[in-house]
Protein backbone atom coordinates (compact mmCIF):
# COMPACT_ATOMS: atom_id res chain seq x y z
CA MET A 1 107.13 73.59 85.37
CA LYS A 2 105.99 75.02 81.91
CA TYR A 3 103.04 77.36 81.82
CA LEU A 4 101.37 77.70 78.55
CA ILE A 5 99.59 81.00 77.99
CA THR A 6 97.27 81.73 74.96
CA TYR A 7 96.45 85.05 73.77
CA LEU A 8 93.80 85.78 71.09
CA ILE A 9 94.63 88.92 69.18
CA LEU A 10 92.01 89.87 66.58
CA THR A 11 93.04 92.76 64.50
CA PHE A 12 90.69 94.56 62.11
CA SER A 13 90.88 97.07 59.22
CA VAL A 14 92.96 99.62 60.94
CA TYR A 15 94.51 100.77 57.67
CA SER A 16 92.98 100.84 54.17
CA ALA A 17 96.03 98.86 53.00
CA TRP A 18 95.60 96.15 55.59
CA SER A 19 92.23 94.29 56.07
CA GLN A 20 92.88 90.88 57.51
CA THR A 21 91.94 89.09 60.83
CA PHE A 22 94.08 86.57 62.58
CA SER A 23 94.55 84.84 65.72
CA ARG A 24 97.92 83.75 67.28
CA LEU A 25 99.07 81.55 70.20
CA ILE A 26 101.85 82.98 72.19
CA ASP A 27 103.84 80.42 74.30
CA ILE A 28 105.69 81.78 77.11
CA ASP A 29 107.57 79.62 79.63
CA ASN A 30 107.72 79.75 83.46
CA LYS A 31 105.27 82.58 83.88
CA GLN A 32 101.73 82.61 85.50
CA TYR A 33 98.77 84.90 85.69
CA ASN A 34 99.47 86.12 82.06
CA TYR A 35 97.37 89.15 80.70
CA ILE A 36 97.48 91.38 77.72
CA ASN A 37 97.71 94.97 79.31
CA ASP A 38 97.83 96.98 76.23
CA PHE A 39 98.83 96.85 72.48
CA GLU A 40 99.54 99.41 69.78
CA ILE A 41 99.39 99.25 66.09
CA LYS A 42 101.96 101.52 64.27
CA ASP A 43 102.97 101.37 60.51
CA ASP A 44 103.73 97.64 59.90
CA SER A 45 104.19 96.50 63.49
CA ILE A 46 102.10 95.63 66.53
CA TYR A 47 103.55 96.33 70.04
CA ILE A 48 102.00 94.07 72.77
CA LEU A 49 102.62 94.53 76.56
CA LEU A 50 102.12 91.30 78.54
CA ARG A 51 101.87 91.16 82.24
CA HIS A 52 102.62 88.01 84.29
CA CYS A 53 104.76 86.82 87.15
CA PHE A 54 107.54 84.46 87.97
CA GLY A 55 106.40 83.73 91.42
CA VAL A 56 103.90 84.74 94.06
CA ASN A 57 103.04 88.38 93.96
CA TYR A 58 105.82 89.26 91.60
CA ASN A 59 104.45 91.12 88.66
CA CYS A 60 106.59 91.87 85.73
CA ASN A 61 106.12 92.75 81.94
CA THR A 62 107.16 91.42 78.52
CA LEU A 63 107.16 93.68 75.46
CA ILE A 64 106.62 91.94 72.13
CA LYS A 65 106.86 93.39 68.63
CA THR A 66 105.21 91.47 65.90
CA ASP A 67 104.44 92.01 62.18
CA LEU A 68 100.96 92.64 61.15
CA SER A 69 100.24 88.78 60.95
CA GLY A 70 101.34 88.35 64.61
CA ASN A 71 104.71 86.79 63.89
CA ILE A 72 107.10 87.80 66.74
CA GLY A 73 110.06 89.65 65.71
CA ILE A 74 111.40 91.02 68.99
CA GLU A 75 110.72 89.98 72.55
CA ILE A 76 112.13 91.57 75.78
CA ASN A 77 111.68 90.95 79.36
CA LEU A 78 111.14 93.75 81.91
CA ASP A 79 111.57 91.61 84.88
CA THR A 80 111.50 94.39 87.45
CA PHE A 81 109.06 96.50 85.61
CA SER A 82 105.31 96.24 86.29
CA SER A 83 102.28 97.77 84.68
CA ILE A 84 99.19 96.18 86.35
CA SER A 85 96.60 98.55 84.88
CA VAL A 86 94.59 98.23 81.59
CA GLY A 87 95.05 101.86 80.79
CA ASN A 88 96.88 103.51 77.86
CA LEU A 89 100.33 102.00 78.65
CA ILE A 90 101.99 102.02 75.29
CA ASP A 91 102.27 105.06 72.75
CA VAL A 92 104.38 104.95 69.64
CA LYS A 93 105.44 108.25 68.18
CA LYS A 94 107.69 108.70 65.21
CA ASP A 95 110.89 106.68 66.19
CA ASP A 96 110.02 106.33 69.84
CA VAL A 97 108.07 103.54 71.84
CA LEU A 98 106.88 104.66 75.20
CA ILE A 99 105.81 102.59 77.99
CA ALA A 100 104.23 103.70 81.36
CA GLY A 101 104.51 101.68 84.55
CA ASP A 102 106.49 101.23 87.78
CA TRP A 103 110.12 99.82 88.55
CA ILE A 104 109.53 97.37 91.53
CA LEU A 105 112.90 97.74 93.32
CA GLU A 106 114.40 95.92 96.38
CA GLY A 107 112.15 95.86 99.29
CA ASN A 108 109.07 96.17 97.10
CA ASN A 109 109.81 99.88 96.63
CA ILE A 110 107.73 101.49 93.69
CA THR A 111 109.19 103.90 91.40
CA PRO A 112 106.77 105.46 88.79
CA CYS A 113 108.26 105.89 85.51
CA LEU A 114 108.04 106.32 81.62
CA LEU A 115 110.47 104.10 79.43
CA LYS A 116 111.55 105.55 76.08
CA MET A 117 112.67 102.92 73.60
CA ASP A 118 113.58 102.89 69.85
CA LYS A 119 111.78 100.75 67.52
CA SER A 120 114.17 97.80 68.15
CA LEU A 121 113.02 98.07 71.78
CA ASN A 122 116.13 99.23 73.27
CA ILE A 123 115.82 101.45 76.28
CA GLU A 124 117.17 104.89 75.36
CA ASN A 125 115.96 106.87 78.47
CA GLN A 126 113.59 106.74 81.51
CA TYR A 127 111.71 109.45 83.17
CA ILE A 128 111.10 109.14 86.89
CA PHE A 129 107.95 110.67 88.45
CA ASN A 130 108.60 110.43 92.22
CA PRO A 131 105.80 111.80 94.42
CA LYS A 132 106.28 114.04 97.33
CA GLU A 133 108.02 112.91 100.53
CA GLY A 134 105.80 110.87 102.57
CA GLU A 135 103.93 109.37 99.48
CA ILE A 136 104.07 106.40 97.27
CA SER A 137 102.62 106.37 93.79
CA SER A 138 101.73 104.09 90.97
CA ILE A 139 101.35 104.74 87.26
CA ASN A 140 98.16 103.57 85.39
CA GLY A 141 98.95 104.98 81.90
CA LEU A 142 99.89 107.98 79.78
CA LEU A 143 98.19 110.26 77.28
CA LEU A 144 100.29 112.09 74.62
CA GLY A 145 99.13 115.16 72.78
CA ASP A 146 100.81 117.64 70.41
CA GLU A 147 101.57 120.19 72.99
CA ASN A 148 100.61 118.62 76.43
CA ASN A 149 101.58 115.18 77.75
CA TYR A 150 99.97 113.57 80.75
CA ILE A 151 100.95 110.54 83.02
CA TYR A 152 98.19 109.31 85.38
CA GLY A 153 97.54 106.87 88.35
CA ASN A 154 97.33 107.20 92.10
CA VAL A 155 99.28 108.55 95.19
CA LYS A 156 99.21 107.26 98.81
CA ASP A 157 99.60 109.54 101.64
CA LEU A 158 101.68 107.54 104.13
CA THR A 159 100.45 109.82 107.04
CA THR A 160 96.73 109.75 106.35
CA TYR A 161 96.64 106.39 104.45
CA ARG A 162 94.40 108.32 101.83
CA TYR A 163 94.66 107.60 97.99
CA TYR A 164 94.28 110.35 95.64
CA SER A 165 94.10 110.37 91.76
CA ARG A 166 97.24 111.68 90.20
CA ILE A 167 97.55 113.42 86.94
CA ILE A 168 100.99 114.88 85.86
CA ASN A 169 101.23 117.27 83.26
CA VAL A 170 104.55 117.21 81.32
CA ASP A 171 106.03 118.96 78.41
CA THR A 172 107.19 117.37 75.30
CA ASN A 173 110.55 116.55 76.86
CA PHE A 174 108.62 114.82 79.89
CA ASN A 175 109.69 117.44 82.38
CA ILE A 176 107.08 118.02 84.91
CA VAL A 177 104.64 121.15 84.45
CA SER A 178 102.27 120.36 87.11
CA ASP A 179 101.57 117.35 89.60
CA ASN A 180 98.01 117.19 90.58
CA ARG A 181 95.95 115.28 93.14
CA TYR A 182 92.13 114.83 93.16
CA SER A 183 89.88 113.25 95.82
CA ARG A 184 86.17 112.94 96.41
CA GLN A 185 86.87 112.94 100.06
CA LEU A 186 86.88 109.37 100.68
CA LEU A 187 89.69 107.06 101.57
CA LYS A 188 90.30 105.59 98.18
CA ASN A 189 90.70 107.45 94.91
CA ASP A 190 92.24 106.17 91.60
CA CYS A 191 92.57 107.69 88.09
CA LYS A 192 91.70 104.60 85.98
CA ASP A 193 91.82 106.24 82.43
CA LEU A 194 92.42 109.51 80.93
CA GLN A 195 91.32 110.84 77.35
CA PHE A 196 91.14 114.20 75.44
CA THR A 197 87.83 115.69 74.35
CA SER A 198 87.08 117.12 71.14
CA GLN A 199 87.68 120.68 72.46
CA GLY A 200 91.03 119.55 73.85
CA ASP A 201 90.00 119.34 77.44
CA LEU A 202 90.51 116.11 79.47
CA ILE A 203 88.20 113.48 80.96
CA TYR A 204 89.06 110.81 83.54
CA ILE A 205 87.63 108.20 85.40
CA ASN A 206 87.91 108.39 89.25
CA GLU A 207 87.22 105.09 91.03
CA PHE A 208 86.41 106.05 94.56
CA TYR A 209 85.47 103.93 97.74
CA GLU A 210 85.80 104.09 101.54
CA ARG A 211 87.04 100.56 102.26
CA VAL A 212 86.85 97.31 100.31
CA GLY A 213 83.23 95.97 100.78
CA TYR A 214 82.30 98.82 103.19
CA GLY A 215 80.97 102.26 102.89
CA GLU A 216 80.19 104.30 99.87
CA PHE A 217 81.77 103.60 96.45
CA GLY A 218 81.40 104.44 92.76
CA LEU A 219 82.85 106.16 89.76
CA GLN A 220 83.22 109.85 88.80
CA ILE A 221 83.83 110.99 85.21
CA ASN A 222 85.55 114.27 85.79
CA LYS A 223 86.36 117.03 83.24
CA LEU A 224 89.69 118.99 83.35
CA ASP A 225 91.01 121.98 81.25
CA PRO A 226 94.47 121.38 79.60
CA ASN A 227 96.16 122.84 82.81
CA CYS A 228 94.40 120.12 84.82
CA VAL A 229 91.90 122.20 86.43
CA LYS A 230 88.68 120.50 87.29
CA THR A 231 85.69 122.15 85.61
CA ASP A 232 82.78 119.49 85.75
CA SER A 233 82.04 116.00 87.01
CA LEU A 234 79.31 113.25 86.64
CA GLU A 235 78.94 110.54 89.30
CA ILE A 236 77.93 107.02 88.69
CA LYS A 237 77.19 104.37 91.35
CA ASN A 238 79.31 101.33 90.68
CA ASP A 239 78.07 98.43 92.73
CA ASP A 240 80.08 95.85 91.26
CA GLY A 241 82.16 97.16 88.52
CA LYS A 242 85.71 96.22 87.71
CA LEU A 243 88.43 98.14 85.75
CA PRO A 244 86.50 101.09 84.34
CA ASN A 245 87.87 102.49 81.08
CA ILE A 246 87.07 105.06 78.41
CA LEU A 247 86.67 104.20 74.69
CA SER A 248 87.71 107.26 72.57
CA SER A 249 87.02 107.44 68.84
CA LYS A 250 88.91 109.39 66.20
CA TYR A 251 86.17 112.07 66.54
CA ARG A 252 86.79 112.30 70.26
CA ARG A 253 83.41 110.80 71.05
CA HIS A 254 83.53 108.61 74.17
CA ILE A 255 82.05 105.53 75.72
CA PHE A 256 82.39 104.81 79.48
CA TYR A 257 82.46 101.12 80.55
CA ASN A 258 83.55 98.62 83.08
CA ARG A 259 83.61 95.00 83.67
CA ARG A 260 80.86 93.57 85.77
CA SER A 261 80.17 90.23 87.49
CA PHE A 262 76.85 88.65 87.51
CA ARG A 263 75.51 86.29 90.09
């Protein structure tokens, strides 16, 4: 069976030399539950990360590179690689394209990693961020700076079944400097988005709850110093929010938002 997926990509005046708006249909065969997880505009190209599945509960990704009119130049399938969040999953630096996510291996084993590609989308290297023994972890995104880089997501303790927000501080060669966990003392915690502040600190959204449909739940906006030490926190009750994110302007001003369903 052929599944038709329609993506509407609206692009605005990102660069002074380019001020056009377009829409584009992308037809992908034999894939269901299709989403745009993230996209990045760099120079004369757009990099689009699509999430879909070939079968039941089998998430995977396709990475597409287009020109500024949305015409596809390169398309690669990452059929055992999955990025299910809507965080910052793509970053393009100089000659490198970086993609954050998880390898889904045999037996549904999850290996959190960062893929490094060239501009032709050939995989040049991969960086593995395995958690401690007795834990499993999943990656939600990456945040790259001039000196400090960060990989973020969640980690589950297989003994206590408690989830923690996980933020990994890595150097410019993606060696781990510190591997940090945060919790609001409830069963479930997850770092959904991470951004720099204007002072060079970090803010991240922690989604917390006791159990699905039961107990206390909400959002924390936590502030960290560059070494990932927590310095401040703001709590928001989140009675029906979905997929919280942070919008960050070039002036490092921020808007916090989530998706909400109304009845």
